[in-house]
Amino acid sequence: MTKKVKDSIVEMTELVTPQDTNHHGNISGGRLMHWIDIAAAMAAMRHGNRPVVTRSIDSISFNYSIKLGQAVVIKASVNRVFNSSMEVGVIVYSENLLTGDRKHTNSAYLTFVALDADSHPVKVNQIEPETDEEKRRFADALKRRELRLIKS
């Protein structure tokens, strides 16, 4: 059985408050990575209908800072399933809530492993990309996996 990419999509929105920021008034990298991990895990669980654990974070780019008072919009979806593991792609936007302006601030790729009731890896359904963008992300995920395997 296969599932559609659209069925794994998660969109999470958080408001940047003072406890989320560093001394520059920007969101701290650790807080943002925590939120990215949560959104990506939800996408993986939504796809696999199982508990998951974070296996790796390949990369995260920080293109622009996100300021106190802005919203953080995190979009995550499964790019590809390999067996018990799934690559999840994440895009982060900052949003000015007064103007509605959004800026792409971050991107990340995470790998999750699906678990059975005894916390052992378990195979999950494959994913079926439908759009051109989903097909590109599906193909690129295989290339990133090959690089991950070389590095390990």
C-alpha atoms as a PDB file:
ATOM      1  CA  MET A   1       0.000   0.000   0.000  1.00  0.00           C
ATOM      2  CA  THR A   2       1.220   3.510  -0.737  1.00  0.00           C
ATOM      3  CA  LYS A   3       0.193   6.849   0.700  1.00  0.00           C
ATOM      4  CA  LYS A   4       0.228  10.313  -0.826  1.00  0.00           C
ATOM      5  CA  VAL A   5       2.689  13.040   0.195  1.00  0.00           C
ATOM      6  CA  LYS A   6      -0.232  15.381   0.878  1.00  0.00           C
ATOM      7  CA  ASP A   7      -1.423  13.022   3.621  1.00  0.00           C
ATOM      8  CA  SER A   8       1.783  13.608   5.622  1.00  0.00           C
ATOM      9  CA  ILE A   9       1.841  17.412   5.473  1.00  0.00           C
ATOM     10  CA  VAL A  10       2.116  19.264   8.772  1.00  0.00           C
ATOM     11  CA  GLU A  11       1.972  23.034   9.148  1.00  0.00           C
ATOM     12  CA  MET A  12       2.864  24.345  12.566  1.00  0.00           C
ATOM     13  CA  THR A  13       2.817  27.996  13.623  1.00  0.00           C
ATOM     14  CA  GLU A  14       4.545  29.417  16.704  1.00  0.00           C
ATOM     15  CA  LEU A  15       4.859  32.970  17.975  1.00  0.00           C
ATOM     16  CA  VAL A  16       8.397  34.083  18.888  1.00  0.00           C
ATOM     17  CA  THR A  17       8.228  35.288  22.491  1.00  0.00           C
ATOM     18  CA  PRO A  18      11.016  36.647  24.735  1.00  0.00           C
ATOM     19  CA  GLN A  19      11.876  33.209  26.161  1.00  0.00           C
ATOM     20  CA  ASP A  20      12.493  31.953  22.581  1.00  0.00           C
ATOM     21  CA  THR A  21      15.094  34.606  21.736  1.00  0.00           C
ATOM     22  CA  ASN A  22      18.799  35.193  22.170  1.00  0.00           C
ATOM     23  CA  HIS A  23      20.435  38.451  23.289  1.00  0.00           C
ATOM     24  CA  HIS A  24      20.042  39.866  19.748  1.00  0.00           C
ATOM     25  CA  GLY A  25      16.243  39.560  19.861  1.00  0.00           C
ATOM     26  CA  ASN A  26      16.278  36.718  17.307  1.00  0.00           C
ATOM     27  CA  ILE A  27      14.902  33.238  17.805  1.00  0.00           C
ATOM     28  CA  SER A  28      17.573  30.951  19.246  1.00  0.00           C
ATOM     29  CA  GLY A  29      18.772  28.219  16.879  1.00  0.00           C
ATOM     30  CA  GLY A  30      18.097  25.543  19.489  1.00  0.00           C
ATOM     31  CA  ARG A  31      14.471  26.577  19.939  1.00  0.00           C
ATOM     32  CA  LEU A  32      13.920  26.607  16.173  1.00  0.00           C
ATOM     33  CA  MET A  33      15.544  23.192  15.756  1.00  0.00           C
ATOM     34  CA  HIS A  34      13.276  21.841  18.504  1.00  0.00           C
ATOM     35  CA  TRP A  35      10.180  23.084  16.663  1.00  0.00           C
ATOM     36  CA  ILE A  36      11.502  21.709  13.350  1.00  0.00           C
ATOM     37  CA  ASP A  37      12.022  18.291  14.954  1.00  0.00           C
ATOM     38  CA  ILE A  38       8.472  18.286  16.355  1.00  0.00           C
ATOM     39  CA  ALA A  39       6.852  19.230  13.014  1.00  0.00           C
ATOM     40  CA  ALA A  40       8.959  16.698  11.091  1.00  0.00           C
ATOM     41  CA  ALA A  41       8.196  13.924  13.598  1.00  0.00           C
ATOM     42  CA  MET A  42       4.470  14.626  13.279  1.00  0.00           C
ATOM     43  CA  ALA A  43       4.730  14.343   9.479  1.00  0.00           C
ATOM     44  CA  ALA A  44       6.563  11.015   9.807  1.00  0.00           C
ATOM     45  CA  MET A  45       4.016   9.702  12.336  1.00  0.00           C
ATOM     46  CA  ARG A  46       1.145  10.897  10.173  1.00  0.00           C
ATOM     47  CA  HIS A  47       2.580   8.945   7.232  1.00  0.00           C
ATOM     48  CA  GLY A  48       3.587   5.796   9.106  1.00  0.00           C
ATOM     49  CA  ASN A  49       0.805   5.763  11.695  1.00  0.00           C
ATOM     50  CA  ARG A  50       3.464   4.693  14.163  1.00  0.00           C
ATOM     51  CA  PRO A  51       5.748   6.225  16.763  1.00  0.00           C
ATOM     52  CA  VAL A  52       9.048   7.452  15.322  1.00  0.00           C
ATOM     53  CA  VAL A  53      12.471   8.489  16.538  1.00  0.00           C
ATOM     54  CA  THR A  54      14.797  11.027  14.970  1.00  0.00           C
ATOM     55  CA  ARG A  55      17.650   9.168  13.256  1.00  0.00           C
ATOM     56  CA  SER A  56      19.500  12.148  11.814  1.00  0.00           C
ATOM     57  CA  ILE A  57      19.353  15.751  10.772  1.00  0.00           C
ATOM     58  CA  ASP A  58      21.300  16.081   7.532  1.00  0.00           C
ATOM     59  CA  SER A  59      21.381  19.795   7.320  1.00  0.00           C
ATOM     60  CA  ILE A  60      19.668  22.927   8.401  1.00  0.00           C
ATOM     61  CA  SER A  61      20.269  26.255   6.759  1.00  0.00           C
ATOM     62  CA  PHE A  62      19.818  29.596   8.478  1.00  0.00           C
ATOM     63  CA  ASN A  63      19.178  32.148   5.730  1.00  0.00           C
ATOM     64  CA  TYR A  64      17.553  34.971   7.699  1.00  0.00           C
ATOM     65  CA  SER A  65      16.950  35.713  11.350  1.00  0.00           C
ATOM     66  CA  ILE A  66      13.481  35.524  12.855  1.00  0.00           C
ATOM     67  CA  LYS A  67      12.664  38.363  15.239  1.00  0.00           C
ATOM     68  CA  LEU A  68      10.784  38.625  18.504  1.00  0.00           C
ATOM     69  CA  GLY A  69       7.049  39.046  17.802  1.00  0.00           C
ATOM     70  CA  GLN A  70       7.118  37.335  14.412  1.00  0.00           C
ATOM     71  CA  ALA A  71       5.379  34.064  13.689  1.00  0.00           C
ATOM     72  CA  VAL A  72       7.355  30.985  12.679  1.00  0.00           C
ATOM     73  CA  VAL A  73       5.543  28.852  10.107  1.00  0.00           C
ATOM     74  CA  ILE A  74       6.987  25.357   9.706  1.00  0.00           C
ATOM     75  CA  LYS A  75       5.892  23.099   6.853  1.00  0.00           C
ATOM     76  CA  ALA A  76       6.969  19.453   6.880  1.00  0.00           C
ATOM     77  CA  SER A  77       6.180  16.444   4.693  1.00  0.00           C
ATOM     78  CA  VAL A  78       7.644  13.049   3.930  1.00  0.00           C
ATOM     79  CA  ASN A  79       9.875  13.126   0.856  1.00  0.00           C
ATOM     80  CA  ARG A  80      10.613   9.410   0.582  1.00  0.00           C
ATOM     81  CA  VAL A  81      10.316   6.120   2.476  1.00  0.00           C
ATOM     82  CA  PHE A  82      13.186   3.641   2.400  1.00  0.00           C
ATOM     83  CA  ASN A  83      12.079   0.756   4.634  1.00  0.00           C
ATOM     84  CA  SER A  84      11.589   1.667   8.266  1.00  0.00           C
ATOM     85  CA  SER A  85      13.136   5.085   7.676  1.00  0.00           C
ATOM     86  CA  MET A  86      11.595   8.188   6.136  1.00  0.00           C
ATOM     87  CA  GLU A  87      13.162  11.431   4.990  1.00  0.00           C
ATOM     88  CA  VAL A  88      11.142  14.487   5.941  1.00  0.00           C
ATOM     89  CA  GLY A  89      11.711  17.868   4.311  1.00  0.00           C
ATOM     90  CA  VAL A  90      11.034  21.028   6.271  1.00  0.00           C
ATOM     91  CA  ILE A  91      10.654  24.627   5.125  1.00  0.00           C
ATOM     92  CA  VAL A  92      10.493  27.458   7.670  1.00  0.00           C
ATOM     93  CA  TYR A  93       9.055  30.918   7.092  1.00  0.00           C
ATOM     94  CA  SER A  94       8.994  34.001   9.267  1.00  0.00           C
ATOM     95  CA  GLU A  95       5.744  35.914   9.095  1.00  0.00           C
ATOM     96  CA  ASN A  96       5.035  39.488  10.036  1.00  0.00           C
ATOM     97  CA  LEU A  97       1.571  39.116  11.523  1.00  0.00           C
ATOM     98  CA  LEU A  98       0.718  42.785  10.932  1.00  0.00           C
ATOM     99  CA  THR A  99       1.485  42.797   7.201  1.00  0.00           C
ATOM    100  CA  GLY A 100       1.229  39.116   6.270  1.00  0.00           C
ATOM    101  CA  ASP A 101       4.684  39.231   4.665  1.00  0.00           C
ATOM    102  CA  ARG A 102       6.464  35.861   4.700  1.00  0.00           C
ATOM    103  CA  LYS A 103      10.140  35.122   4.187  1.00  0.00           C
ATOM    104  CA  HIS A 104      11.714  31.683   3.652  1.00  0.00           C
ATOM    105  CA  THR A 105      14.231  31.556   6.486  1.00  0.00           C
ATOM    106  CA  ASN A 106      15.264  27.924   6.888  1.00  0.00           C
ATOM    107  CA  SER A 107      15.268  24.506   5.262  1.00  0.00           C
ATOM    108  CA  ALA A 108      16.085  21.142   6.820  1.00  0.00           C
ATOM    109  CA  TYR A 109      16.130  17.407   6.071  1.00  0.00           C
ATOM    110  CA  LEU A 110      15.545  14.888   8.838  1.00  0.00           C
ATOM    111  CA  THR A 111      15.400  11.102   8.876  1.00  0.00           C
ATOM    112  CA  PHE A 112      13.028   9.231  11.170  1.00  0.00           C
ATOM    113  CA  VAL A 113      12.684   5.524  11.946  1.00  0.00           C
ATOM    114  CA  ALA A 114       9.246   4.009  12.563  1.00  0.00           C
ATOM    115  CA  LEU A 115       8.915   1.777  15.613  1.00  0.00           C
ATOM    116  CA  ASP A 116       6.697  -1.144  16.563  1.00  0.00           C
ATOM    117  CA  ALA A 117       5.160  -1.690  20.014  1.00  0.00           C
ATOM    118  CA  ASP A 118       8.497  -3.040  21.304  1.00  0.00           C
ATOM    119  CA  SER A 119      10.452  -0.037  19.983  1.00  0.00           C
ATOM    120  CA  HIS A 120      12.008  -2.017  17.124  1.00  0.00           C
ATOM    121  CA  PRO A 121      12.252  -0.602  13.600  1.00  0.00           C
ATOM    122  CA  VAL A 122       9.294  -1.563  11.450  1.00  0.00           C
ATOM    123  CA  LYS A 123       8.572  -1.215   7.745  1.00  0.00           C
ATOM    124  CA  VAL A 124       6.182   1.562   6.727  1.00  0.00           C
ATOM    125  CA  ASN A 125       4.094   2.181   3.626  1.00  0.00           C
ATOM    126  CA  GLN A 126       5.771   3.681   0.599  1.00  0.00           C
ATOM    127  CA  ILE A 127       4.938   7.204  -0.516  1.00  0.00           C
ATOM    128  CA  GLU A 128       3.587   8.189  -3.903  1.00  0.00           C
ATOM    129  CA  PRO A 129       4.661  11.615  -5.143  1.00  0.00           C
ATOM    130  CA  GLU A 130       2.074  13.245  -7.410  1.00  0.00           C
ATOM    131  CA  THR A 131       3.246  16.745  -8.320  1.00  0.00           C
ATOM    132  CA  ASP A 132       6.444  17.650 -10.164  1.00  0.00           C
ATOM    133  CA  GLU A 133       7.807  19.202  -6.964  1.00  0.00           C
ATOM    134  CA  GLU A 134       7.033  16.053  -4.951  1.00  0.00           C
ATOM    135  CA  LYS A 135       8.701  13.899  -7.635  1.00  0.00           C
ATOM    136  CA  ARG A 136      11.817  16.101  -7.548  1.00  0.00           C
ATOM    137  CA  ARG A 137      11.985  15.897  -3.754  1.00  0.00           C
ATOM    138  CA  PHE A 138      11.450  12.113  -3.956  1.00  0.00           C
ATOM    139  CA  ALA A 139      14.402  11.726  -6.376  1.00  0.00           C
ATOM    140  CA  ASP A 140      16.635  14.116  -4.417  1.00  0.00           C
ATOM    141  CA  ALA A 141      15.927  12.181  -1.200  1.00  0.00           C
ATOM    142  CA  LEU A 142      17.557   9.084  -2.696  1.00  0.00           C
ATOM    143  CA  LYS A 143      20.699  11.084  -3.528  1.00  0.00           C
ATOM    144  CA  ARG A 144      20.862  12.435   0.027  1.00  0.00           C
ATOM    145  CA  ARG A 145      20.389   8.917   1.435  1.00  0.00           C
ATOM    146  CA  GLU A 146      23.276   7.624  -0.664  1.00  0.00           C
ATOM    147  CA  LEU A 147      25.475  10.391   0.762  1.00  0.00           C
ATOM    148  CA  ARG A 148      24.312   9.574   4.297  1.00  0.00           C
ATOM    149  CA  LEU A 149      25.278   5.922   3.828  1.00  0.00           C
ATOM    150  CA  ILE A 150      28.731   6.872   2.534  1.00  0.00           C
ATOM    151  CA  LYS A 151      29.316   9.091   5.577  1.00  0.00           C
ATOM    152  CA  SER A 152      28.228   6.458   8.117  1.00  0.00           C
END
